[in-house]
Amino acid sequence: MHDSSPSKLVLLRFLERVQERDLARTRQWIVDEERREAERRRSIEARPPAPDWLIEQSIGHHAPPVYVHVGGCHMAGKRSKGVARDAALRALAEGVDPCPHCRPDSRLGYIDA
């Protein structure tokens, strides 16, 4: 009676090929992820610095501004644009409200006259 099942050595060689293929795939995943991480780092480094001051516009094409914010304020809406310090001060002087959360008037040293 002859056993027709594969030998232990044949099975081990098969396992080795499967594991080598899995290792090659894992190494490719690592290369791909390293590339993505490098791209993310480059995009972060290439971003312009956040503005120090923001003016948030109201809804509508020619609507007046509604708030002055400190740059990075979590309450600033999507209709906010970065401005220079003097523009933020001028907006406050012209009656644009300071954001009650980030208090740009305090940060700017603005005292309502």
PDB file of N, CA and C in Angstrom:
ATOM      1  N   MET A   1       0.835  -1.158   0.000  1.00  0.00           N
ATOM      2  CA  MET A   1       0.000   0.000   0.000  1.00  0.00           C
ATOM      3  C   MET A   1       0.899   1.246   0.000  1.00  0.00           C
ATOM      4  N   HIS A   2       0.656   2.107  -0.961  1.00  0.00           N
ATOM      5  CA  HIS A   2       1.486   3.297  -1.150  1.00  0.00           C
ATOM      6  C   HIS A   2       0.684   4.530  -0.764  1.00  0.00           C
ATOM      7  N   ASP A   3       1.257   5.357   0.121  1.00  0.00           N
ATOM      8  CA  ASP A   3       0.584   6.574   0.576  1.00  0.00           C
ATOM      9  C   ASP A   3       0.775   7.659  -0.484  1.00  0.00           C
ATOM     10  N   SER A   4      -0.329   8.195  -1.035  1.00  0.00           N
ATOM     11  CA  SER A   4      -0.248   9.196  -2.102  1.00  0.00           C
ATOM     12  C   SER A   4      -0.336  10.629  -1.571  1.00  0.00           C
ATOM     13  N   SER A   5      -0.389  10.817  -0.279  1.00  0.00           N
ATOM     14  CA  SER A   5      -0.436  12.173   0.267  1.00  0.00           C
ATOM     15  C   SER A   5       0.948  12.814   0.157  1.00  0.00           C
ATOM     16  N   PRO A   6       0.976  14.175   0.022  1.00  0.00           N
ATOM     17  CA  PRO A   6       2.268  14.851  -0.135  1.00  0.00           C
ATOM     18  C   PRO A   6       3.137  14.648   1.107  1.00  0.00           C
ATOM     19  N   SER A   7       4.423  14.654   0.886  1.00  0.00           N
ATOM     20  CA  SER A   7       5.344  14.493   2.009  1.00  0.00           C
ATOM     21  C   SER A   7       5.374  15.760   2.847  1.00  0.00           C
ATOM     22  N   LYS A   8       5.880  15.592   4.038  1.00  0.00           N
ATOM     23  CA  LYS A   8       5.990  16.730   4.945  1.00  0.00           C
ATOM     24  C   LYS A   8       6.881  17.810   4.329  1.00  0.00           C
ATOM     25  N   LEU A   9       7.929  17.443   3.657  1.00  0.00           N
ATOM     26  CA  LEU A   9       8.831  18.393   3.020  1.00  0.00           C
ATOM     27  C   LEU A   9       8.114  19.180   1.921  1.00  0.00           C
ATOM     28  N   VAL A  10       7.297  18.517   1.124  1.00  0.00           N
ATOM     29  CA  VAL A  10       6.538  19.192   0.065  1.00  0.00           C
ATOM     30  C   VAL A  10       5.584  20.214   0.695  1.00  0.00           C
ATOM     31  N   LEU A  11       4.923  19.825   1.769  1.00  0.00           N
ATOM     32  CA  LEU A  11       3.998  20.736   2.449  1.00  0.00           C
ATOM     33  C   LEU A  11       4.737  21.927   3.043  1.00  0.00           C
ATOM     34  N   LEU A  12       5.903  21.702   3.623  1.00  0.00           N
ATOM     35  CA  LEU A  12       6.681  22.796   4.186  1.00  0.00           C
ATOM     36  C   LEU A  12       7.174  23.753   3.104  1.00  0.00           C
ATOM     37  N   ARG A  13       7.572  23.222   1.934  1.00  0.00           N
ATOM     38  CA  ARG A  13       8.005  24.085   0.820  1.00  0.00           C
ATOM     39  C   ARG A  13       6.829  24.927   0.315  1.00  0.00           C
ATOM     40  N   PHE A  14       5.644  24.334   0.280  1.00  0.00           N
ATOM     41  CA  PHE A  14       4.439  25.072  -0.117  1.00  0.00           C
ATOM     42  C   PHE A  14       4.169  26.201   0.878  1.00  0.00           C
ATOM     43  N   LEU A  15       4.236  25.896   2.164  1.00  0.00           N
ATOM     44  CA  LEU A  15       4.027  26.897   3.203  1.00  0.00           C
ATOM     45  C   LEU A  15       5.047  28.024   3.077  1.00  0.00           C
ATOM     46  N   GLU A  16       6.275  27.666   2.798  1.00  0.00           N
ATOM     47  CA  GLU A  16       7.321  28.671   2.631  1.00  0.00           C
ATOM     48  C   GLU A  16       6.986  29.628   1.485  1.00  0.00           C
ATOM     49  N   ARG A  17       6.508  29.110   0.344  1.00  0.00           N
ATOM     50  CA  ARG A  17       6.148  29.961  -0.795  1.00  0.00           C
ATOM     51  C   ARG A  17       4.986  30.897  -0.440  1.00  0.00           C
ATOM     52  N   VAL A  18       4.002  30.364   0.274  1.00  0.00           N
ATOM     53  CA  VAL A  18       2.861  31.188   0.688  1.00  0.00           C
ATOM     54  C   VAL A  18       3.341  32.307   1.611  1.00  0.00           C
ATOM     55  N   GLN A  19       4.183  31.980   2.558  1.00  0.00           N
ATOM     56  CA  GLN A  19       4.664  32.988   3.497  1.00  0.00           C
ATOM     57  C   GLN A  19       5.554  34.023   2.813  1.00  0.00           C
ATOM     58  N   GLU A  20       6.365  33.598   1.852  1.00  0.00           N
ATOM     59  CA  GLU A  20       7.193  34.550   1.112  1.00  0.00           C
ATOM     60  C   GLU A  20       6.319  35.515   0.318  1.00  0.00           C
ATOM     61  N   ARG A  21       5.249  35.008  -0.271  1.00  0.00           N
ATOM     62  CA  ARG A  21       4.325  35.863  -1.016  1.00  0.00           C
ATOM     63  C   ARG A  21       3.626  36.844  -0.056  1.00  0.00           C
ATOM     64  N   ASP A  22       3.212  36.350   1.112  1.00  0.00           N
ATOM     65  CA  ASP A  22       2.590  37.224   2.110  1.00  0.00           C
ATOM     66  C   ASP A  22       3.570  38.291   2.589  1.00  0.00           C
ATOM     67  N   LEU A  23       4.824  37.902   2.816  1.00  0.00           N
ATOM     68  CA  LEU A  23       5.834  38.854   3.269  1.00  0.00           C
ATOM     69  C   LEU A  23       6.102  39.914   2.199  1.00  0.00           C
ATOM     70  N   ALA A  24       6.155  39.496   0.936  1.00  0.00           N
ATOM     71  CA  ALA A  24       6.369  40.456  -0.156  1.00  0.00           C
ATOM     72  C   ALA A  24       5.203  41.442  -0.220  1.00  0.00           C
ATOM     73  N   ARG A  25       3.993  40.957  -0.044  1.00  0.00           N
ATOM     74  CA  ARG A  25       2.816  41.826  -0.064  1.00  0.00           C
ATOM     75  C   ARG A  25       2.864  42.807   1.118  1.00  0.00           C
ATOM     76  N   THR A  26       3.217  42.315   2.295  1.00  0.00           N
ATOM     77  CA  THR A  26       3.314  43.179   3.470  1.00  0.00           C
ATOM     78  C   THR A  26       4.388  44.242   3.267  1.00  0.00           C
ATOM     79  N   ARG A  27       5.509  43.857   2.700  1.00  0.00           N
ATOM     80  CA  ARG A  27       6.569  44.829   2.445  1.00  0.00           C
ATOM     81  C   ARG A  27       6.120  45.895   1.453  1.00  0.00           C
ATOM     82  N   GLN A  28       5.325  45.521   0.467  1.00  0.00           N
ATOM     83  CA  GLN A  28       4.797  46.495  -0.487  1.00  0.00           C
ATOM     84  C   GLN A  28       3.826  47.447   0.208  1.00  0.00           C
ATOM     85  N   TRP A  29       3.014  46.917   1.101  1.00  0.00           N
ATOM     86  CA  TRP A  29       2.100  47.767   1.877  1.00  0.00           C
ATOM     87  C   TRP A  29       2.897  48.789   2.692  1.00  0.00           C
ATOM     88  N   ILE A  30       4.010  48.349   3.258  1.00  0.00           N
ATOM     89  CA  ILE A  30       4.864  49.244   4.044  1.00  0.00           C
ATOM     90  C   ILE A  30       5.430  50.346   3.151  1.00  0.00           C
ATOM     91  N   VAL A  31       5.922  49.990   1.969  1.00  0.00           N
ATOM     92  CA  VAL A  31       6.455  50.976   1.029  1.00  0.00           C
ATOM     93  C   VAL A  31       5.369  51.979   0.643  1.00  0.00           C
ATOM     94  N   ASP A  32       4.175  51.473   0.353  1.00  0.00           N
ATOM     95  CA  ASP A  32       3.060  52.349  -0.018  1.00  0.00           C
ATOM     96  C   ASP A  32       2.710  53.306   1.126  1.00  0.00           C
ATOM     97  N   GLU A  33       2.661  52.793   2.339  1.00  0.00           N
ATOM     98  CA  GLU A  33       2.306  53.635   3.488  1.00  0.00           C
ATOM     99  C   GLU A  33       3.402  54.655   3.780  1.00  0.00           C
ATOM    100  N   GLU A  34       4.663  54.278   3.625  1.00  0.00           N
ATOM    101  CA  GLU A  34       5.758  55.239   3.809  1.00  0.00           C
ATOM    102  C   GLU A  34       5.660  56.365   2.786  1.00  0.00           C
ATOM    103  N   ARG A  35       5.286  56.038   1.554  1.00  0.00           N
ATOM    104  CA  ARG A  35       5.114  57.048   0.516  1.00  0.00           C
ATOM    105  C   ARG A  35       3.968  57.995   0.874  1.00  0.00           C
ATOM    106  N   ARG A  36       2.836  57.425   1.326  1.00  0.00           N
ATOM    107  CA  ARG A  36       1.690  58.259   1.711  1.00  0.00           C
ATOM    108  C   ARG A  36       2.049  59.178   2.885  1.00  0.00           C
ATOM    109  N   GLU A  37       2.769  58.634   3.871  1.00  0.00           N
ATOM    110  CA  GLU A  37       3.192  59.451   5.022  1.00  0.00           C
ATOM    111  C   GLU A  37       4.096  60.594   4.576  1.00  0.00           C
ATOM    112  N   ALA A  38       5.018  60.318   3.673  1.00  0.00           N
ATOM    113  CA  ALA A  38       5.914  61.364   3.166  1.00  0.00           C
ATOM    114  C   ALA A  38       5.114  62.435   2.425  1.00  0.00           C
ATOM    115  N   GLU A  39       4.125  62.016   1.639  1.00  0.00           N
ATOM    116  CA  GLU A  39       3.275  62.975   0.931  1.00  0.00           C
ATOM    117  C   GLU A  39       2.481  63.829   1.917  1.00  0.00           C
ATOM    118  N   ARG A  40       1.957  63.204   2.981  1.00  0.00           N
ATOM    119  CA  ARG A  40       1.213  63.959   3.997  1.00  0.00           C
ATOM    120  C   ARG A  40       2.118  64.992   4.675  1.00  0.00           C
ATOM    121  N   ARG A  41       3.338  64.572   5.024  1.00  0.00           N
ATOM    122  CA  ARG A  41       4.280  65.498   5.663  1.00  0.00           C
ATOM    123  C   ARG A  41       4.604  66.668   4.736  1.00  0.00           C
ATOM    124  N   ARG A  42       4.849  66.359   3.452  1.00  0.00           N
ATOM    125  CA  ARG A  42       5.159  67.437   2.498  1.00  0.00           C
ATOM    126  C   ARG A  42       3.984  68.396   2.353  1.00  0.00           C
ATOM    127  N   SER A  43       2.764  67.877   2.324  1.00  0.00           N
ATOM    128  CA  SER A  43       1.604  68.761   2.170  1.00  0.00           C
ATOM    129  C   SER A  43       1.413  69.634   3.411  1.00  0.00           C
ATOM    130  N   ILE A  44       1.682  69.087   4.586  1.00  0.00           N
ATOM    131  CA  ILE A  44       1.576  69.875   5.816  1.00  0.00           C
ATOM    132  C   ILE A  44       2.642  70.962   5.833  1.00  0.00           C
ATOM    133  N   GLU A  45       3.860  70.615   5.441  1.00  0.00           N
ATOM    134  CA  GLU A  45       4.959  71.585   5.433  1.00  0.00           C
ATOM    135  C   GLU A  45       4.745  72.671   4.383  1.00  0.00           C
ATOM    136  N   ALA A  46       4.031  72.344   3.300  1.00  0.00           N
ATOM    137  CA  ALA A  46       3.820  73.301   2.214  1.00  0.00           C
ATOM    138  C   ALA A  46       2.658  74.252   2.483  1.00  0.00           C
ATOM    139  N   ARG A  47       1.852  73.972   3.496  1.00  0.00           N
ATOM    140  CA  ARG A  47       0.715  74.845   3.797  1.00  0.00           C
ATOM    141  C   ARG A  47       1.196  76.216   4.245  1.00  0.00           C
ATOM    142  N   PRO A  48       0.484  77.250   3.801  1.00  0.00           N
ATOM    143  CA  PRO A  48       0.848  78.569   4.314  1.00  0.00           C
ATOM    144  C   PRO A  48       0.478  78.652   5.796  1.00  0.00           C
ATOM    145  N   PRO A  49       1.142  79.511   6.529  1.00  0.00           N
ATOM    146  CA  PRO A  49       0.811  79.630   7.958  1.00  0.00           C
ATOM    147  C   PRO A  49      -0.626  80.135   8.125  1.00  0.00           C
ATOM    148  N   ALA A  50      -1.246  79.725   9.200  1.00  0.00           N
ATOM    149  CA  ALA A  50      -2.604  80.177   9.494  1.00  0.00           C
ATOM    150  C   ALA A  50      -2.573  81.681   9.757  1.00  0.00           C
ATOM    151  N   PRO A  51      -3.608  82.397   9.315  1.00  0.00           N
ATOM    152  CA  PRO A  51      -3.627  83.839   9.570  1.00  0.00           C
ATOM    153  C   PRO A  51      -3.803  84.123  11.058  1.00  0.00           C
ATOM    154  N   ASP A  52      -3.307  85.251  11.490  1.00  0.00           N
ATOM    155  CA  ASP A  52      -3.431  85.637  12.899  1.00  0.00           C
ATOM    156  C   ASP A  52      -4.838  86.123  13.230  1.00  0.00           C
ATOM    157  N   TRP A  53      -5.521  86.691  12.219  1.00  0.00           N
ATOM    158  CA  TRP A  53      -6.844  87.278  12.432  1.00  0.00           C
ATOM    159  C   TRP A  53      -7.763  86.886  11.289  1.00  0.00           C
ATOM    160  N   LEU A  54      -9.045  86.737  11.592  1.00  0.00           N
ATOM    161  CA  LEU A  54     -10.042  86.365  10.591  1.00  0.00           C
ATOM    162  C   LEU A  54     -11.219  87.325  10.665  1.00  0.00           C
ATOM    163  N   ILE A  55     -11.810  87.567   9.508  1.00  0.00           N
ATOM    164  CA  ILE A  55     -13.080  88.277   9.467  1.00  0.00           C
ATOM    165  C   ILE A  55     -14.088  87.332   8.820  1.00  0.00           C
ATOM    166  N   GLU A  56     -15.178  87.106   9.534  1.00  0.00           N
ATOM    167  CA  GLU A  56     -16.221  86.204   9.053  1.00  0.00           C
ATOM    168  C   GLU A  56     -17.336  87.013   8.406  1.00  0.00           C
ATOM    169  N   GLN A  57     -17.630  86.681   7.159  1.00  0.00           N
ATOM    170  CA  GLN A  57     -18.686  87.352   6.410  1.00  0.00           C
ATOM    171  C   GLN A  57     -20.034  86.714   6.707  1.00  0.00           C
ATOM    172  N   SER A  58     -21.078  87.500   6.592  1.00  0.00           N
ATOM    173  CA  SER A  58     -22.441  87.000   6.726  1.00  0.00           C
ATOM    174  C   SER A  58     -22.835  86.292   5.425  1.00  0.00           C
ATOM    175  N   ILE A  59     -23.983  85.662   5.421  1.00  0.00           N
ATOM    176  CA  ILE A  59     -24.483  84.996   4.222  1.00  0.00           C
ATOM    177  C   ILE A  59     -24.943  86.058   3.233  1.00  0.00           C
ATOM    178  N   GLY A  60     -24.633  85.879   1.993  1.00  0.00           N
ATOM    179  CA  GLY A  60     -25.033  86.822   0.950  1.00  0.00           C
ATOM    180  C   GLY A  60     -23.824  87.406   0.261  1.00  0.00           C
ATOM    181  N   HIS A  61     -24.024  87.784  -0.987  1.00  0.00           N
ATOM    182  CA  HIS A  61     -22.911  88.246  -1.827  1.00  0.00           C
ATOM    183  C   HIS A  61     -22.229  89.497  -1.279  1.00  0.00           C
ATOM    184  N   HIS A  62     -23.004  90.489  -0.914  1.00  0.00           N
ATOM    185  CA  HIS A  62     -22.412  91.735  -0.415  1.00  0.00           C
ATOM    186  C   HIS A  62     -22.777  91.988   1.048  1.00  0.00           C
ATOM    187  N   ALA A  63     -22.972  90.927   1.782  1.00  0.00           N
ATOM    188  CA  ALA A  63     -23.364  91.057   3.194  1.00  0.00           C
ATOM    189  C   ALA A  63     -22.182  91.564   4.019  1.00  0.00           C
ATOM    190  N   PRO A  64     -22.468  92.308   5.062  1.00  0.00           N
ATOM    191  CA  PRO A  64     -21.384  92.840   5.903  1.00  0.00           C
ATOM    192  C   PRO A  64     -20.762  91.735   6.768  1.00  0.00           C
ATOM    193  N   PRO A  65     -19.565  92.002   7.271  1.00  0.00           N
ATOM    194  CA  PRO A  65     -18.941  91.024   8.166  1.00  0.00           C
ATOM    195  C   PRO A  65     -19.736  90.902   9.467  1.00  0.00           C
ATOM    196  N   VAL A  66     -19.664  89.713  10.085  1.00  0.00           N
ATOM    197  CA  VAL A  66     -20.398  89.498  11.334  1.00  0.00           C
ATOM    198  C   VAL A  66     -19.474  89.365  12.539  1.00  0.00           C
ATOM    199  N   TYR A  67     -18.279  88.840  12.349  1.00  0.00           N
ATOM    200  CA  TYR A  67     -17.366  88.652  13.475  1.00  0.00           C
ATOM    201  C   TYR A  67     -15.917  88.860  13.055  1.00  0.00           C
ATOM    202  N   VAL A  68     -15.132  89.295  14.014  1.00  0.00           N
ATOM    203  CA  VAL A  68     -13.676  89.258  13.923  1.00  0.00           C
ATOM    204  C   VAL A  68     -13.251  88.123  14.848  1.00  0.00           C
ATOM    205  N   HIS A  69     -12.336  87.277  14.377  1.00  0.00           N
ATOM    206  CA  HIS A  69     -11.852  86.129  15.147  1.00  0.00           C
ATOM    207  C   HIS A  69     -10.335  86.164  15.249  1.00  0.00           C
ATOM    208  N   VAL A  70      -9.823  85.511  16.270  1.00  0.00           N
ATOM    209  CA  VAL A  70      -8.402  85.191  16.336  1.00  0.00           C
ATOM    210  C   VAL A  70      -8.182  84.041  15.362  1.00  0.00           C
ATOM    211  N   GLY A  71      -7.087  84.044  14.625  1.00  0.00           N
ATOM    212  CA  GLY A  71      -6.805  82.955  13.694  1.00  0.00           C
ATOM    213  C   GLY A  71      -6.836  81.614  14.406  1.00  0.00           C
ATOM    214  N   GLY A  72      -7.478  80.634  13.788  1.00  0.00           N
ATOM    215  CA  GLY A  72      -7.579  79.303  14.380  1.00  0.00           C
ATOM    216  C   GLY A  72      -8.765  79.134  15.309  1.00  0.00           C
ATOM    217  N   CYS A  73      -9.607  80.154  15.457  1.00  0.00           N
ATOM    218  CA  CYS A  73     -10.778  80.038  16.329  1.00  0.00           C
ATOM    219  C   CYS A  73     -11.692  78.940  15.807  1.00  0.00           C
ATOM    220  N   HIS A  74     -12.095  78.049  16.685  1.00  0.00           N
ATOM    221  CA  HIS A  74     -12.945  76.924  16.274  1.00  0.00           C
ATOM    222  C   HIS A  74     -14.360  77.371  15.916  1.00  0.00           C
ATOM    223  N   MET A  75     -14.719  78.581  16.256  1.00  0.00           N
ATOM    224  CA  MET A  75     -16.059  79.081  15.948  1.00  0.00           C
ATOM    225  C   MET A  75     -16.108  79.840  14.615  1.00  0.00           C
ATOM    226  N   ALA A  76     -14.971  80.095  14.011  1.00  0.00           N
ATOM    227  CA  ALA A  76     -14.951  80.816  12.735  1.00  0.00           C
ATOM    228  C   ALA A  76     -15.621  79.960  11.666  1.00  0.00           C
ATOM    229  N   GLY A  77     -16.519  80.573  10.929  1.00  0.00           N
ATOM    230  CA  GLY A  77     -17.253  79.848   9.894  1.00  0.00           C
ATOM    231  C   GLY A  77     -16.463  79.717   8.602  1.00  0.00           C
ATOM    232  N   LYS A  78     -17.076  79.028   7.653  1.00  0.00           N
ATOM    233  CA  LYS A  78     -16.428  78.793   6.362  1.00  0.00           C
ATOM    234  C   LYS A  78     -16.284  80.071   5.545  1.00  0.00           C
ATOM    235  N   ARG A  79     -17.036  81.073   5.879  1.00  0.00           N
ATOM    236  CA  ARG A  79     -16.975  82.334   5.134  1.00  0.00           C
ATOM    237  C   ARG A  79     -15.978  83.300   5.770  1.00  0.00           C
ATOM    238  N   SER A  80     -14.987  82.781   6.463  1.00  0.00           N
ATOM    239  CA  SER A  80     -13.964  83.610   7.107  1.00  0.00           C
ATOM    240  C   SER A  80     -12.748  83.732   6.209  1.00  0.00           C
ATOM    241  N   LYS A  81     -12.109  84.894   6.259  1.00  0.00           N
ATOM    242  CA  LYS A  81     -10.871  85.081   5.498  1.00  0.00           C
ATOM    243  C   LYS A  81      -9.831  85.715   6.390  1.00  0.00           C
ATOM    244  N   GLY A  82      -8.588  85.374   6.140  1.00  0.00           N
ATOM    245  CA  GLY A  82      -7.491  85.915   6.915  1.00  0.00           C
ATOM    246  C   GLY A  82      -7.250  87.372   6.594  1.00  0.00           C
ATOM    247  N   VAL A  83      -6.941  88.145   7.621  1.00  0.00           N
ATOM    248  CA  VAL A  83      -6.648  89.572   7.446  1.00  0.00           C
ATOM    249  C   VAL A  83      -5.463  89.961   8.323  1.00  0.00           C
ATOM    250  N   ALA A  84      -4.892  91.097   8.007  1.00  0.00           N
ATOM    251  CA  ALA A  84      -3.784  91.635   8.802  1.00  0.00           C
ATOM    252  C   ALA A  84      -4.336  92.264  10.086  1.00  0.00           C
ATOM    253  N   ARG A  85      -3.446  92.493  11.019  1.00  0.00           N
ATOM    254  CA  ARG A  85      -3.828  93.055  12.323  1.00  0.00           C
ATOM    255  C   ARG A  85      -4.579  94.378  12.170  1.00  0.00           C
ATOM    256  N   ASP A  86      -4.068  95.261  11.308  1.00  0.00           N
ATOM    257  CA  ASP A  86      -4.717  96.568  11.151  1.00  0.00           C
ATOM    258  C   ASP A  86      -6.123  96.433  10.571  1.00  0.00           C
ATOM    259  N   ALA A  87      -6.362  95.461   9.691  1.00  0.00           N
ATOM    260  CA  ALA A  87      -7.706  95.252   9.141  1.00  0.00           C
ATOM    261  C   ALA A  87      -8.648  94.724  10.221  1.00  0.00           C
ATOM    262  N   ALA A  88      -8.141  93.879  11.104  1.00  0.00           N
ATOM    263  CA  ALA A  88      -8.966  93.367  12.201  1.00  0.00           C
ATOM    264  C   ALA A  88      -9.330  94.507  13.155  1.00  0.00           C
ATOM    265  N   LEU A  89      -8.364  95.354  13.479  1.00  0.00           N
ATOM    266  CA  LEU A  89      -8.634  96.509  14.334  1.00  0.00           C
ATOM    267  C   LEU A  89      -9.634  97.467  13.682  1.00  0.00           C
ATOM    268  N   ARG A  90      -9.465  97.706  12.385  1.00  0.00           N
ATOM    269  CA  ARG A  90     -10.364  98.597  11.660  1.00  0.00           C
ATOM    270  C   ARG A  90     -11.790  98.036  11.663  1.00  0.00           C
ATOM    271  N   ALA A  91     -11.923  96.721  11.464  1.00  0.00           N
ATOM    272  CA  ALA A  91     -13.252  96.100  11.474  1.00  0.00           C
ATOM    273  C   ALA A  91     -13.915  96.278  12.836  1.00  0.00           C
ATOM    274  N   LEU A  92     -13.169  96.074  13.893  1.00  0.00           N
ATOM    275  CA  LEU A  92     -13.724  96.284  15.239  1.00  0.00           C
ATOM    276  C   LEU A  92     -14.155  97.735  15.433  1.00  0.00           C
ATOM    277  N   ALA A  93     -13.313  98.662  14.983  1.00  0.00           N
ATOM    278  CA  ALA A  93     -13.621 100.094  15.115  1.00  0.00           C
ATOM    279  C   ALA A  93     -14.858 100.466  14.304  1.00  0.00           C
ATOM    280  N   GLU A  94     -15.090  99.737  13.197  1.00  0.00           N
ATOM    281  CA  GLU A  94     -16.255 100.008  12.347  1.00  0.00           C
ATOM    282  C   GLU A  94     -17.504  99.284  12.843  1.00  0.00           C
ATOM    283  N   GLY A  95     -17.407  98.592  13.979  1.00  0.00           N
ATOM    284  CA  GLY A  95     -18.592  97.992  14.574  1.00  0.00           C
ATOM    285  C   GLY A  95     -18.800  96.507  14.339  1.00  0.00           C
ATOM    286  N   VAL A  96     -17.840  95.850  13.718  1.00  0.00           N
ATOM    287  CA  VAL A  96     -17.957  94.391  13.563  1.00  0.00           C
ATOM    288  C   VAL A  96     -17.736  93.774  14.943  1.00  0.00           C
ATOM    289  N   ASP A  97     -18.618  92.860  15.316  1.00  0.00           N
ATOM    290  CA  ASP A  97     -18.533  92.253  16.644  1.00  0.00           C
ATOM    291  C   ASP A  97     -17.308  91.359  16.788  1.00  0.00           C
ATOM    292  N   PRO A  98     -16.672  91.393  17.968  1.00  0.00           N
ATOM    293  CA  PRO A  98     -15.606  90.419  18.241  1.00  0.00           C
ATOM    294  C   PRO A  98     -16.253  89.085  18.589  1.00  0.00           C
ATOM    295  N   CYS A  99     -15.628  88.009  18.194  1.00  0.00           N
ATOM    296  CA  CYS A  99     -16.137  86.675  18.542  1.00  0.00           C
ATOM    297  C   CYS A  99     -16.141  86.551  20.066  1.00  0.00           C
ATOM    298  N   PRO A 100     -17.271  86.121  20.646  1.00  0.00           N
ATOM    299  CA  PRO A 100     -17.324  86.000  22.106  1.00  0.00           C
ATOM    300  C   PRO A 100     -16.518  84.816  22.645  1.00  0.00           C
ATOM    301  N   HIS A 101     -16.063  83.927  21.755  1.00  0.00           N
ATOM    302  CA  HIS A 101     -15.304  82.753  22.201  1.00  0.00           C
ATOM    303  C   HIS A 101     -13.806  83.020  22.243  1.00  0.00           C
ATOM    304  N   CYS A 102     -13.276  83.597  21.157  1.00  0.00           N
ATOM    305  CA  CYS A 102     -11.815  83.788  21.103  1.00  0.00           C
ATOM    306  C   CYS A 102     -11.386  85.193  21.520  1.00  0.00           C
ATOM    307  N   ARG A 103     -12.309  86.118  21.652  1.00  0.00           N
ATOM    308  CA  ARG A 103     -12.077  87.483  22.135  1.00  0.00           C
ATOM    309  C   ARG A 103     -10.897  88.191  21.454  1.00  0.00           C
ATOM    310  N   PRO A 104     -11.009  88.416  20.132  1.00  0.00           N
ATOM    311  CA  PRO A 104      -9.906  89.096  19.439  1.00  0.00           C
ATOM    312  C   PRO A 104      -9.696  90.529  19.907  1.00  0.00           C
ATOM    313  N   ASP A 105     -10.744  91.173  20.412  1.00  0.00           N
ATOM    314  CA  ASP A 105     -10.587  92.546  20.897  1.00  0.00           C
ATOM    315  C   ASP A 105      -9.592  92.595  22.055  1.00  0.00           C
ATOM    316  N   SER A 106      -9.675  91.616  22.947  1.00  0.00           N
ATOM    317  CA  SER A 106      -8.724  91.553  24.060  1.00  0.00           C
ATOM    318  C   SER A 106      -7.317  91.274  23.571  1.00  0.00           C
ATOM    319  N   ARG A 107      -7.194  90.337  22.661  1.00  0.00           N
ATOM    320  CA  ARG A 107      -5.887  89.960  22.130  1.00  0.00           C
ATOM    321  C   ARG A 107      -5.239  91.111  21.366  1.00  0.00           C
ATOM    322  N   LEU A 108      -6.088  91.919  20.697  1.00  0.00           N
ATOM    323  CA  LEU A 108      -5.581  93.039  19.925  1.00  0.00           C
ATOM    324  C   LEU A 108      -5.344  94.278  20.786  1.00  0.00           C
ATOM    325  N   GLY A 109      -5.809  94.239  22.027  1.00  0.00           N
ATOM    326  CA  GLY A 109      -5.694  95.413  22.893  1.00  0.00           C
ATOM    327  C   GLY A 109      -6.673  96.490  22.497  1.00  0.00           C
ATOM    328  N   TYR A 110      -7.771  96.095  21.840  1.00  0.00           N
ATOM    329  CA  TYR A 110      -8.762  97.064  21.368  1.00  0.00           C
ATOM    330  C   TYR A 110      -9.689  97.442  22.510  1.00  0.00           C
ATOM    331  N   ILE A 111      -9.810  98.734  22.706  1.00  0.00           N
ATOM    332  CA  ILE A 111     -10.727  99.244  23.728  1.00  0.00           C
ATOM    333  C   ILE A 111     -11.759 100.074  22.994  1.00  0.00           C
ATOM    334  N   ASP A 112     -13.009  99.663  23.088  1.00  0.00           N
ATOM    335  CA  ASP A 112     -14.102 100.352  22.410  1.00  0.00           C
ATOM    336  C   ASP A 112     -14.239 101.753  22.986  1.00  0.00           C
ATOM    337  N   ALA A 113     -14.069 102.726  22.109  1.00  0.00           N
ATOM    338  CA  ALA A 113     -14.100 104.119  22.584  1.00  0.00           C
ATOM    339  C   ALA A 113     -15.501 104.672  22.595  1.00  0.00           C
TER     340      ALA A 113
END
